[in-house]
């Protein structure tokens, strides 16, 4: 798993690429929580995520909960179809705000 972090329009964009699985989810969790602790609205770009398992999903849920507690918004953008299927099976597509594109998310300012 690779990740990049950047700021766009005052929001933090964290992009993951590759597999977010048991091996890589501790790093994903660390990146998510560190980003959220910056106090900005957070967008998770999942266009490059080819696989996500329950540990990766748990990292997203923890990030979502931390952001909510801190009063920041947390949204997923450009979710790869394979990852989206996992979120749909867990019915988390009803919990997370999911935008088709980053531009859509930034325009909506979750």
C-alpha atoms as a PDB file:
ATOM      1  CA  UNK A   1       0.000   0.000   0.000  1.00  0.00           C
ATOM      2  CA  UNK A   2       1.139   3.474  -0.875  1.00  0.00           C
ATOM      3  CA  UNK A   3      -0.369   6.733   0.322  1.00  0.00           C
ATOM      4  CA  UNK A   4      -0.090  10.431  -0.342  1.00  0.00           C
ATOM      5  CA  UNK A   5      -1.385  13.341   1.684  1.00  0.00           C
ATOM      6  CA  UNK A   6      -2.071  16.794   0.324  1.00  0.00           C
ATOM      7  CA  UNK A   7      -4.171  19.841   1.071  1.00  0.00           C
ATOM      8  CA  UNK A   8      -6.812  21.113  -1.356  1.00  0.00           C
ATOM      9  CA  UNK A   9      -9.143  24.027  -0.720  1.00  0.00           C
ATOM     10  CA  UNK A  10      -8.402  23.854   3.004  1.00  0.00           C
ATOM     11  CA  UNK A  11      -9.255  20.155   3.248  1.00  0.00           C
ATOM     12  CA  UNK A  12      -6.890  17.247   3.721  1.00  0.00           C
ATOM     13  CA  UNK A  13      -6.880  14.639   0.962  1.00  0.00           C
ATOM     14  CA  UNK A  14      -5.424  11.245   1.815  1.00  0.00           C
ATOM     15  CA  UNK A  15      -5.041   8.947  -1.185  1.00  0.00           C
ATOM     16  CA  UNK A  16      -4.434   5.226  -0.759  1.00  0.00           C
ATOM     17  CA  UNK A  17      -3.199   2.903  -3.492  1.00  0.00           C
ATOM     18  CA  UNK A  18      -2.932  -0.860  -3.544  1.00  0.00           C
ATOM     19  CA  UNK A  19      -4.150  -3.270  -0.900  1.00  0.00           C
ATOM     20  CA  UNK A  20      -5.456  -2.057   2.444  1.00  0.00           C
ATOM     21  CA  UNK A  21      -5.340  -5.383   4.238  1.00  0.00           C
ATOM     22  CA  UNK A  22      -4.180  -6.879   7.525  1.00  0.00           C
ATOM     23  CA  UNK A  23      -0.553  -6.207   6.623  1.00  0.00           C
ATOM     24  CA  UNK A  24      -1.101  -2.573   5.642  1.00  0.00           C
ATOM     25  CA  UNK A  25      -4.077  -1.445   7.724  1.00  0.00           C
ATOM     26  CA  UNK A  26      -1.962  -0.403  10.763  1.00  0.00           C
ATOM     27  CA  UNK A  27      -0.159   2.136   8.549  1.00  0.00           C
ATOM     28  CA  UNK A  28      -3.462   3.226   6.968  1.00  0.00           C
ATOM     29  CA  UNK A  29      -4.917   3.713  10.458  1.00  0.00           C
ATOM     30  CA  UNK A  30      -1.912   5.787  11.536  1.00  0.00           C
ATOM     31  CA  UNK A  31      -2.114   7.982   8.421  1.00  0.00           C
ATOM     32  CA  UNK A  32      -5.871   8.469   8.849  1.00  0.00           C
ATOM     33  CA  UNK A  33      -5.755   9.354  12.533  1.00  0.00           C
ATOM     34  CA  UNK A  34      -2.749  11.667  12.138  1.00  0.00           C
ATOM     35  CA  UNK A  35      -4.550  13.464   9.311  1.00  0.00           C
ATOM     36  CA  UNK A  36      -7.792  13.779  11.239  1.00  0.00           C
ATOM     37  CA  UNK A  37      -5.932  15.119  14.255  1.00  0.00           C
ATOM     38  CA  UNK A  38      -4.873  18.091  12.092  1.00  0.00           C
ATOM     39  CA  UNK A  39      -8.443  19.348  12.540  1.00  0.00           C
ATOM     40  CA  UNK A  40      -9.293  19.695   8.862  1.00  0.00           C
ATOM     41  CA  UNK A  41     -12.095  18.178   6.842  1.00  0.00           C
ATOM     42  CA  UNK A  42     -10.782  14.910   5.420  1.00  0.00           C
ATOM     43  CA  UNK A  43     -11.348  13.252   2.062  1.00  0.00           C
ATOM     44  CA  UNK A  44     -10.102   9.715   1.495  1.00  0.00           C
ATOM     45  CA  UNK A  45      -9.312   9.120  -2.183  1.00  0.00           C
ATOM     46  CA  UNK A  46      -9.825   5.398  -2.761  1.00  0.00           C
ATOM     47  CA  UNK A  47      -9.531   5.354  -6.547  1.00  0.00           C
ATOM     48  CA  UNK A  48      -6.280   3.388  -6.316  1.00  0.00           C
ATOM     49  CA  UNK A  49      -7.404   0.856  -3.700  1.00  0.00           C
ATOM     50  CA  UNK A  50      -7.451  -2.538  -5.404  1.00  0.00           C
ATOM     51  CA  UNK A  51      -8.434  -4.536  -2.322  1.00  0.00           C
ATOM     52  CA  UNK A  52      -9.678  -3.791   1.184  1.00  0.00           C
ATOM     53  CA  UNK A  53     -10.418  -6.304   3.922  1.00  0.00           C
ATOM     54  CA  UNK A  54     -12.140  -6.021   7.286  1.00  0.00           C
ATOM     55  CA  UNK A  55      -9.046  -4.582   8.969  1.00  0.00           C
ATOM     56  CA  UNK A  56      -8.881  -1.828   6.351  1.00  0.00           C
ATOM     57  CA  UNK A  57     -12.594  -1.166   6.761  1.00  0.00           C
ATOM     58  CA  UNK A  58     -12.086  -0.999  10.540  1.00  0.00           C
ATOM     59  CA  UNK A  59      -9.424   1.683  10.014  1.00  0.00           C
ATOM     60  CA  UNK A  60     -11.887   3.719   7.940  1.00  0.00           C
ATOM     61  CA  UNK A  61     -14.598   3.329  10.584  1.00  0.00           C
ATOM     62  CA  UNK A  62     -12.214   4.436  13.330  1.00  0.00           C
ATOM     63  CA  UNK A  63     -11.197   7.454  11.265  1.00  0.00           C
ATOM     64  CA  UNK A  64     -14.845   8.314  10.635  1.00  0.00           C
ATOM     65  CA  UNK A  65     -15.609   8.106  14.364  1.00  0.00           C
ATOM     66  CA  UNK A  66     -12.577  10.208  15.322  1.00  0.00           C
ATOM     67  CA  UNK A  67     -13.498  12.893  12.782  1.00  0.00           C
ATOM     68  CA  UNK A  68     -17.080  12.960  14.014  1.00  0.00           C
ATOM     69  CA  UNK A  69     -15.917  13.317  17.625  1.00  0.00           C
ATOM     70  CA  UNK A  70     -13.654  16.209  16.648  1.00  0.00           C
ATOM     71  CA  UNK A  71     -16.309  17.939  14.557  1.00  0.00           C
ATOM     72  CA  UNK A  72     -14.530  17.420  11.249  1.00  0.00           C
ATOM     73  CA  UNK A  73     -16.115  15.987   8.150  1.00  0.00           C
ATOM     74  CA  UNK A  74     -14.923  12.680   6.729  1.00  0.00           C
ATOM     75  CA  UNK A  75     -15.784  11.460   3.261  1.00  0.00           C
ATOM     76  CA  UNK A  76     -14.645   8.849   0.779  1.00  0.00           C
ATOM     77  CA  UNK A  77     -14.091   9.866  -2.833  1.00  0.00           C
ATOM     78  CA  UNK A  78     -13.636   8.004  -6.116  1.00  0.00           C
ATOM     79  CA  UNK A  79     -13.990   4.611  -4.448  1.00  0.00           C
ATOM     80  CA  UNK A  80     -12.683   1.801  -6.645  1.00  0.00           C
ATOM     81  CA  UNK A  81     -15.529  -0.619  -7.564  1.00  0.00           C
ATOM     82  CA  UNK A  82     -13.846  -3.536  -5.753  1.00  0.00           C
ATOM     83  CA  UNK A  83     -13.568  -1.538  -2.533  1.00  0.00           C
ATOM     84  CA  UNK A  84     -17.071  -0.136  -2.954  1.00  0.00           C
ATOM     85  CA  UNK A  85     -18.457  -3.660  -3.147  1.00  0.00           C
ATOM     86  CA  UNK A  86     -16.917  -4.475   0.246  1.00  0.00           C
ATOM     87  CA  UNK A  87     -18.411  -1.312   1.745  1.00  0.00           C
ATOM     88  CA  UNK A  88     -21.801  -2.153   0.252  1.00  0.00           C
ATOM     89  CA  UNK A  89     -21.712  -5.695   1.639  1.00  0.00           C
ATOM     90  CA  UNK A  90     -21.014  -4.275   5.090  1.00  0.00           C
ATOM     91  CA  UNK A  91     -23.703  -1.622   4.457  1.00  0.00           C
ATOM     92  CA  UNK A  92     -21.158   1.053   5.212  1.00  0.00           C
ATOM     93  CA  UNK A  93     -22.099   2.850   2.006  1.00  0.00           C
ATOM     94  CA  UNK A  94     -25.048   4.027   4.125  1.00  0.00           C
ATOM     95  CA  UNK A  95     -22.743   5.310   6.882  1.00  0.00           C
ATOM     96  CA  UNK A  96     -19.922   6.995   4.985  1.00  0.00           C
ATOM     97  CA  UNK A  97     -20.416  10.013   2.790  1.00  0.00           C
ATOM     98  CA  UNK A  98     -19.178   8.848  -0.613  1.00  0.00           C
ATOM     99  CA  UNK A  99     -18.528  11.208  -3.523  1.00  0.00           C
ATOM    100  CA  UNK A 100     -17.923  10.079  -7.099  1.00  0.00           C
ATOM    101  CA  UNK A 101     -15.020  12.516  -7.468  1.00  0.00           C
ATOM    102  CA  UNK A 102     -12.848  14.706  -5.282  1.00  0.00           C
ATOM    103  CA  UNK A 103     -14.132  17.795  -7.085  1.00  0.00           C
ATOM    104  CA  UNK A 104     -17.706  16.801  -6.180  1.00  0.00           C
ATOM    105  CA  UNK A 105     -16.685  16.365  -2.546  1.00  0.00           C
ATOM    106  CA  UNK A 106     -14.851  19.667  -2.364  1.00  0.00           C
ATOM    107  CA  UNK A 107     -17.778  21.468  -4.003  1.00  0.00           C
ATOM    108  CA  UNK A 108     -20.177  19.891  -1.527  1.00  0.00           C
ATOM    109  CA  UNK A 109     -17.936  20.633   1.443  1.00  0.00           C
ATOM    110  CA  UNK A 110     -19.355  17.635   3.342  1.00  0.00           C
END
